[in-house]
Amino acid sequence: MKPILKLYRGYANEGELIVMGHVFRPTTKEEYDFQKTRFKNARSVIRMFRIKTQKNADVYLDLNGGKIHTKTLDDGYFKFCLPLDKETGYGWMDYYVSIFHDGEEITEKGSFIRPHEGNLGFISDIDDTFLVSHTRNPFKKIFILLFRNVNSRKVFEGVVPHYQALSTAGRNNKEEQNAFFYVSSSEWNLYRFIVDFTKLHDLPRAVLLLKDIKTSLLDLFITGRGDHNHKFEKIKHILEFYPNLKYTLLGDDSQHDPFLYENICKIFPVNVKSVYIRQTGHHKKEKAVAALKNMEDMNVATCYFTDSNEAIAHSKRIGLIS
């Protein structure tokens, strides 16, 4: 049996590279299969929340012809924050990380983005922003997570053309994409599911910033809930890491997005260009309306919508997309 090395999408600015991942204990279990249906899918999801991490594992990043060494934290997570060679190119690039087991080197390839020169960045929530998750109904949310595989999970109508337009907004070369981040209260356990889902629906390739990994079956039943302060800190970090971008924030009113985004606008009064909030219930929430009004008072364009076509029309109206 060998330990398992998982890498996540990293990101870089003009002077720093950040890449991260997890090391898991050796296991005889096969890789999670999100293509399975019904009870087989549920079994895969349950096992995903029972995985065991490996602390203090030696991890090596290949960079500029050498290996940089670190160790995993107590939850098996590792993160390299390193000075970046200014000659590094732009767009998506590969990186390699290795661990050793009984003298054998185990290497995995990840990717990181150094955004092309431009001025737009996009930060989106996941559950009930583009992935139909029924967050307002915890029992239904868990049922769907357990018994609906990646092929049967739904994306909101109109999200894909909107996000695709945003990803190339303001660019003459459509191969150059704007920086996109998916920031969620979902845990790292769900990373590969989210990546598979976004690929399946042709959503923009993005850096994912998720919540600390969980290793207990009990955590499955509270996934995506609890304290959302980590989302605020992750979004704040992105704006500090790329201070020259003008941001659009996309979320929904099922939990705390309107208020998180309101606080971000207060701290970064010139960085946020627009905010989009999906209405998840039958009526607009008064507190969400008040938060959006407050953002508009700070010269942020806001859109509180039920249908993504409303969001697309708004983006065209404010000149965000053509």
Protein backbone atom coordinates (compact mmCIF):
# COMPACT_ATOMS: atom_id res chain seq x y z
CA MET A 1 0.00 0.00 0.00
CA LYS A 2 1.20 3.49 -0.86
CA PRO A 3 0.28 6.91 0.53
CA ILE A 4 -1.86 9.08 -1.74
CA LEU A 5 -0.69 12.50 -2.94
CA LYS A 6 -3.36 14.97 -4.09
CA LEU A 7 -2.51 18.32 -5.68
CA TYR A 8 -4.80 21.33 -6.09
CA ARG A 9 -4.69 24.19 -8.58
CA GLY A 10 -2.26 26.87 -7.49
CA TYR A 11 -1.81 30.52 -8.39
CA ALA A 12 0.94 33.08 -8.86
CA ASN A 13 1.39 36.83 -9.14
CA GLU A 14 4.43 38.80 -10.31
CA GLY A 15 6.61 37.62 -7.45
CA GLU A 16 5.07 34.67 -5.57
CA LEU A 17 3.86 31.15 -6.31
CA ILE A 18 1.37 29.30 -4.09
CA VAL A 19 0.65 25.57 -4.59
CA MET A 20 -0.96 23.16 -2.17
CA GLY A 21 -2.31 19.65 -1.62
CA HIS A 22 -2.81 16.79 0.82
CA VAL A 23 -1.04 13.55 1.67
CA PHE A 24 -3.28 10.67 2.74
CA ARG A 25 -2.38 7.46 4.53
CA PRO A 26 -1.91 4.27 2.51
CA THR A 27 -5.17 2.54 1.61
CA THR A 28 -6.36 -0.45 -0.38
CA LYS A 29 -9.57 1.36 -1.38
CA GLU A 30 -9.98 2.31 -5.02
CA GLU A 31 -10.22 5.93 -6.18
CA TYR A 32 -13.57 7.61 -5.56
CA ASP A 33 -15.87 7.13 -8.53
CA PHE A 34 -18.36 9.97 -8.97
CA GLN A 35 -19.84 8.20 -12.00
CA LYS A 36 -21.53 5.54 -9.87
CA THR A 37 -25.24 5.75 -9.15
CA ARG A 38 -27.49 5.60 -6.10
CA PHE A 39 -26.04 3.56 -3.23
CA LYS A 40 -22.67 3.06 -4.93
CA ASN A 41 -22.34 6.83 -5.24
CA ALA A 42 -23.35 7.22 -1.59
CA ARG A 43 -20.68 4.73 -0.58
CA SER A 44 -18.05 6.70 -2.51
CA VAL A 45 -19.11 9.97 -0.85
CA ILE A 46 -19.12 8.40 2.63
CA ARG A 47 -15.63 6.98 2.09
CA MET A 48 -14.50 10.41 0.92
CA PHE A 49 -15.29 11.78 4.39
CA ARG A 50 -13.58 8.88 6.19
CA ILE A 51 -10.21 9.29 4.52
CA LYS A 52 -7.20 9.50 6.83
CA THR A 53 -4.52 12.13 6.38
CA GLN A 54 -0.78 11.83 7.06
CA LYS A 55 0.89 14.49 9.17
CA ASN A 56 4.58 15.44 8.95
CA ALA A 57 4.94 13.68 5.59
CA ASP A 58 7.96 14.86 3.59
CA VAL A 59 6.87 16.69 0.43
CA TYR A 60 9.09 17.97 -2.39
CA LEU A 61 8.27 20.60 -5.03
CA ASP A 62 10.25 20.62 -8.29
CA LEU A 63 11.17 24.23 -9.05
CA ASN A 64 13.88 25.64 -11.33
CA GLY A 65 15.70 22.32 -11.52
CA GLY A 66 15.80 21.72 -7.77
CA LYS A 67 13.59 20.20 -5.08
CA ILE A 68 12.15 22.34 -2.29
CA HIS A 69 11.27 20.38 0.85
CA THR A 70 8.45 20.87 3.35
CA LYS A 71 6.27 18.71 5.60
CA THR A 72 2.53 18.33 5.90
CA LEU A 73 0.55 19.92 8.71
CA ASP A 74 -1.38 17.86 11.27
CA ASP A 75 -4.30 17.45 8.83
CA GLY A 76 -2.07 16.25 5.99
CA TYR A 77 -2.25 19.60 4.19
CA PHE A 78 0.81 21.21 2.67
CA LYS A 79 1.31 24.59 1.07
CA PHE A 80 4.31 26.07 -0.68
CA CYS A 81 4.53 29.91 -0.73
CA LEU A 82 7.64 30.74 -2.73
CA PRO A 83 9.36 33.59 -4.56
CA LEU A 84 8.67 33.27 -8.29
CA ASP A 85 11.13 33.81 -11.12
CA LYS A 86 10.03 36.95 -12.96
CA GLU A 87 10.69 35.16 -16.29
CA THR A 88 7.82 32.74 -15.60
CA GLY A 89 5.17 32.96 -18.33
CA TYR A 90 1.45 33.63 -18.10
CA GLY A 91 -1.64 31.44 -18.19
CA TRP A 92 -1.92 27.90 -16.83
CA MET A 93 1.34 26.03 -16.19
CA ASP A 94 2.30 22.67 -14.70
CA TYR A 95 4.09 21.95 -11.45
CA TYR A 96 5.29 18.67 -9.92
CA VAL A 97 5.30 17.46 -6.33
CA SER A 98 6.81 14.25 -4.96
CA ILE A 99 6.70 12.12 -1.83
CA PHE A 100 8.74 9.02 -1.03
CA HIS A 101 7.53 5.65 0.24
CA ASP A 102 9.92 2.77 0.99
CA GLY A 103 12.52 4.40 -1.25
CA GLU A 104 10.10 4.82 -4.15
CA GLU A 105 9.33 8.31 -5.47
CA ILE A 106 5.65 9.10 -6.02
CA THR A 107 5.18 12.16 -8.25
CA GLU A 108 1.99 14.00 -9.23
CA LYS A 109 1.46 16.84 -11.69
CA GLY A 110 -0.62 19.87 -10.74
CA SER A 111 -1.28 23.20 -12.43
CA PHE A 112 -1.16 26.84 -11.41
CA ILE A 113 -2.26 30.07 -13.05
CA ARG A 114 -0.36 33.28 -13.47
CA PRO A 115 -3.08 35.51 -14.93
CA HIS A 116 -2.43 37.23 -18.21
CA GLU A 117 -2.01 40.96 -17.87
CA GLY A 118 -5.45 42.50 -17.61
CA ASN A 119 -7.69 44.09 -15.06
CA LEU A 120 -10.55 41.70 -14.28
CA GLY A 121 -10.90 39.00 -11.65
CA PHE A 122 -13.92 36.86 -10.72
CA ILE A 123 -14.70 35.15 -7.41
CA SER A 124 -17.70 32.81 -7.26
CA ASP A 125 -19.36 30.74 -4.60
CA ILE A 126 -20.34 27.19 -5.66
CA ASP A 127 -23.40 25.75 -3.87
CA ASP A 128 -26.62 27.36 -5.12
CA THR A 129 -24.61 29.93 -7.07
CA PHE A 130 -23.89 27.69 -10.06
CA LEU A 131 -24.35 24.16 -8.64
CA VAL A 132 -27.95 23.39 -7.62
CA SER A 133 -27.48 22.19 -4.02
CA HIS A 134 -30.62 23.12 -2.02
CA THR A 135 -28.53 24.59 0.80
CA ARG A 136 -31.66 26.00 2.44
CA ASN A 137 -32.90 22.42 2.97
CA PRO A 138 -30.09 20.48 4.72
CA PHE A 139 -31.81 17.09 4.40
CA LYS A 140 -32.37 17.51 0.67
CA LYS A 141 -28.81 18.75 0.22
CA ILE A 142 -27.37 15.62 1.89
CA PHE A 143 -29.72 13.34 -0.06
CA ILE A 144 -28.59 14.85 -3.38
CA LEU A 145 -24.92 14.72 -2.38
CA LEU A 146 -25.24 11.03 -1.52
CA PHE A 147 -27.55 9.75 -4.25
CA ARG A 148 -26.90 11.97 -7.28
CA ASN A 149 -23.64 11.43 -9.11
CA VAL A 150 -21.69 14.11 -10.94
CA ASN A 151 -23.58 13.46 -14.20
CA SER A 152 -27.01 13.94 -12.63
CA ARG A 153 -26.20 17.06 -10.58
CA LYS A 154 -27.61 20.22 -12.18
CA VAL A 155 -26.17 23.60 -13.06
CA PHE A 156 -28.47 26.64 -13.06
CA GLU A 157 -29.73 27.53 -16.52
CA GLY A 158 -27.82 30.40 -18.06
CA VAL A 159 -24.82 30.15 -15.71
CA VAL A 160 -22.48 28.60 -18.28
CA PRO A 161 -22.83 31.31 -21.00
CA HIS A 162 -22.59 34.01 -18.32
CA TYR A 163 -19.42 32.59 -16.74
CA GLN A 164 -17.86 31.86 -20.13
CA ALA A 165 -18.47 35.47 -21.20
CA LEU A 166 -16.97 36.73 -17.95
CA SER A 167 -13.88 34.54 -18.34
CA THR A 168 -12.91 36.28 -21.60
CA ALA A 169 -14.41 39.72 -20.85
CA GLY A 170 -12.29 42.60 -22.10
CA ARG A 171 -9.88 40.37 -24.04
CA ASN A 172 -9.27 40.38 -27.77
CA ASN A 173 -7.52 37.03 -27.57
CA LYS A 174 -10.11 34.53 -26.31
CA GLU A 175 -7.34 32.09 -25.38
CA GLU A 176 -6.31 34.47 -22.60
CA GLN A 177 -8.70 34.07 -19.72
CA ASN A 178 -9.34 36.27 -16.71
CA ALA A 179 -8.48 35.02 -13.24
CA PHE A 180 -11.36 32.91 -11.85
CA PHE A 181 -11.68 31.61 -8.28
CA TYR A 182 -14.29 29.31 -6.75
CA VAL A 183 -14.41 29.97 -2.99
CA SER A 184 -16.75 27.76 -0.98
CA SER A 185 -17.62 26.49 2.48
CA SER A 186 -17.42 22.98 1.04
CA GLU A 187 -14.42 21.00 2.27
CA TRP A 188 -11.35 19.83 0.35
CA ASN A 189 -12.96 16.36 0.42
CA LEU A 190 -15.19 17.56 -2.45
CA TYR A 191 -12.38 19.05 -4.58
CA ARG A 192 -12.33 16.42 -7.32
CA PHE A 193 -16.13 16.31 -7.51
CA ILE A 194 -16.25 20.09 -8.06
CA VAL A 195 -13.46 19.95 -10.67
CA ASP A 196 -15.25 17.13 -12.51
CA PHE A 197 -18.56 19.01 -12.40
CA THR A 198 -17.09 22.26 -13.74
CA LYS A 199 -15.30 20.38 -16.55
CA LEU A 200 -18.50 18.52 -17.45
CA HIS A 201 -20.40 21.80 -17.84
CA ASP A 202 -17.60 23.81 -19.50
CA LEU A 203 -17.40 26.29 -16.65
CA PRO A 204 -14.20 28.38 -16.49
CA ARG A 205 -11.11 26.65 -15.20
CA ALA A 206 -10.56 28.16 -11.78
CA VAL A 207 -8.50 28.00 -8.63
CA LEU A 208 -10.53 26.39 -5.83
CA LEU A 209 -10.19 27.58 -2.24
CA LEU A 210 -12.14 25.31 0.09
CA LYS A 211 -12.58 24.61 3.79
CA ASP A 212 -10.26 22.42 5.90
CA ILE A 213 -10.53 18.72 5.08
CA LYS A 214 -12.81 16.53 7.23
CA THR A 215 -12.07 12.95 8.26
CA SER A 216 -15.20 11.99 10.19
CA LEU A 217 -18.47 10.58 8.89
CA LEU A 218 -20.31 13.03 11.15
CA ASP A 219 -18.76 15.91 9.19
CA LEU A 220 -20.55 14.71 6.06
CA PHE A 221 -23.89 15.73 7.56
CA ILE A 222 -22.79 19.30 8.25
CA THR A 223 -20.74 19.80 5.07
CA GLY A 224 -20.80 23.38 3.81
CA ARG A 225 -22.31 24.72 7.01
CA GLY A 226 -20.98 26.34 10.17
CA ASP A 227 -18.65 29.33 10.35
CA HIS A 228 -18.18 31.07 7.00
CA ASN A 229 -15.35 33.30 8.20
CA HIS A 230 -12.90 31.19 6.19
CA LYS A 231 -14.62 32.38 2.98
CA PHE A 232 -14.14 35.99 4.01
CA GLU A 233 -10.46 35.36 4.74
CA LYS A 234 -9.93 33.52 1.43
CA ILE A 235 -11.59 36.30 -0.59
CA LYS A 236 -9.63 38.94 1.32
CA HIS A 237 -6.43 37.03 0.56
CA ILE A 238 -7.19 36.95 -3.18
CA LEU A 239 -7.76 40.70 -3.32
CA GLU A 240 -4.53 41.29 -1.41
CA PHE A 241 -2.61 38.85 -3.65
CA TYR A 242 -3.86 40.51 -6.85
CA PRO A 243 -4.37 44.16 -5.76
CA ASN A 244 -4.52 45.57 -9.29
CA LEU A 245 -7.55 43.58 -10.46
CA LYS A 246 -11.13 44.85 -10.57
CA TYR A 247 -13.33 42.12 -9.11
CA THR A 248 -16.79 40.73 -9.68
CA LEU A 249 -18.18 38.66 -6.80
CA LEU A 250 -20.87 36.05 -7.48
CA GLY A 251 -22.91 34.32 -4.79
CA ASP A 252 -26.40 33.56 -3.52
CA ASP A 253 -28.68 34.48 -0.64
CA SER A 254 -28.99 30.99 0.91
CA GLN A 255 -26.37 31.75 3.57
CA HIS A 256 -23.99 34.69 4.13
CA ASP A 257 -22.67 35.78 0.72
CA PRO A 258 -24.39 39.21 0.62
CA PHE A 259 -22.90 40.17 3.99
CA LEU A 260 -19.45 38.71 3.29
CA TYR A 261 -19.33 40.63 0.02
CA GLU A 262 -20.58 43.80 1.71
CA ASN A 263 -17.67 43.62 4.17
CA ILE A 264 -15.20 42.97 1.35
CA CYS A 265 -16.47 46.10 -0.43
CA LYS A 266 -15.98 48.13 2.75
CA ILE A 267 -12.36 46.99 3.13
CA PHE A 268 -11.48 47.24 -0.59
CA PRO A 269 -13.44 50.33 -1.70
CA VAL A 270 -11.86 50.56 -5.18
CA ASN A 271 -11.35 46.88 -6.05
CA VAL A 272 -14.89 45.51 -6.40
CA LYS A 273 -16.64 46.42 -9.64
CA SER A 274 -19.83 44.40 -9.32
CA VAL A 275 -21.69 41.87 -7.14
CA TYR A 276 -24.21 39.23 -8.27
CA ILE A 277 -26.51 37.46 -5.79
CA ARG A 278 -28.81 34.63 -6.85
CA GLN A 279 -32.22 34.56 -5.15
CA THR A 280 -32.82 31.02 -3.86
CA GLY A 281 -36.27 31.41 -2.30
CA HIS A 282 -39.63 32.72 -3.48
CA HIS A 283 -38.94 36.21 -2.18
CA LYS A 284 -35.98 38.52 -1.91
CA LYS A 285 -34.51 38.71 1.59
CA GLU A 286 -34.77 42.14 3.18
CA LYS A 287 -31.34 41.92 4.78
CA ALA A 288 -29.78 40.91 1.47
CA VAL A 289 -31.51 43.83 -0.28
CA ALA A 290 -30.15 46.19 2.40
CA ALA A 291 -26.61 44.82 2.00
CA LEU A 292 -26.75 45.27 -1.78
CA LYS A 293 -28.09 48.82 -1.37
CA ASN A 294 -25.16 49.56 0.90
CA MET A 295 -22.76 48.25 -1.76
CA GLU A 296 -24.41 50.42 -4.41
CA ASP A 297 -23.82 53.42 -2.16
CA MET A 298 -20.12 52.51 -2.46
CA ASN A 299 -20.33 52.62 -6.29
CA VAL A 300 -20.54 48.84 -6.72
CA ALA A 301 -22.93 47.64 -9.44
CA THR A 302 -25.24 45.00 -7.96
CA CYS A 303 -27.71 42.48 -9.35
CA TYR A 304 -30.11 40.42 -7.19
CA PHE A 305 -31.57 37.93 -9.65
CA THR A 306 -33.61 34.74 -9.95
CA ASP A 307 -32.67 33.89 -13.56
CA SER A 308 -29.14 34.00 -14.95
CA ASN A 309 -30.46 35.78 -18.04
CA GLU A 310 -31.09 38.78 -15.74
CA ALA A 311 -27.45 38.62 -14.67
CA ILE A 312 -26.26 38.41 -18.28
CA ALA A 313 -28.38 41.44 -19.25
CA HIS A 314 -26.99 43.36 -16.27
CA SER A 315 -23.40 42.47 -17.21
CA LYS A 316 -24.00 43.80 -20.71
CA ARG A 317 -25.67 46.94 -19.36
CA ILE A 318 -22.71 47.89 -17.18
CA GLY A 319 -20.20 47.04 -19.92
CA LEU A 320 -18.71 44.05 -18.11
CA ILE A 321 -19.35 41.80 -21.12
CA SER A 322 -20.14 42.70 -24.72
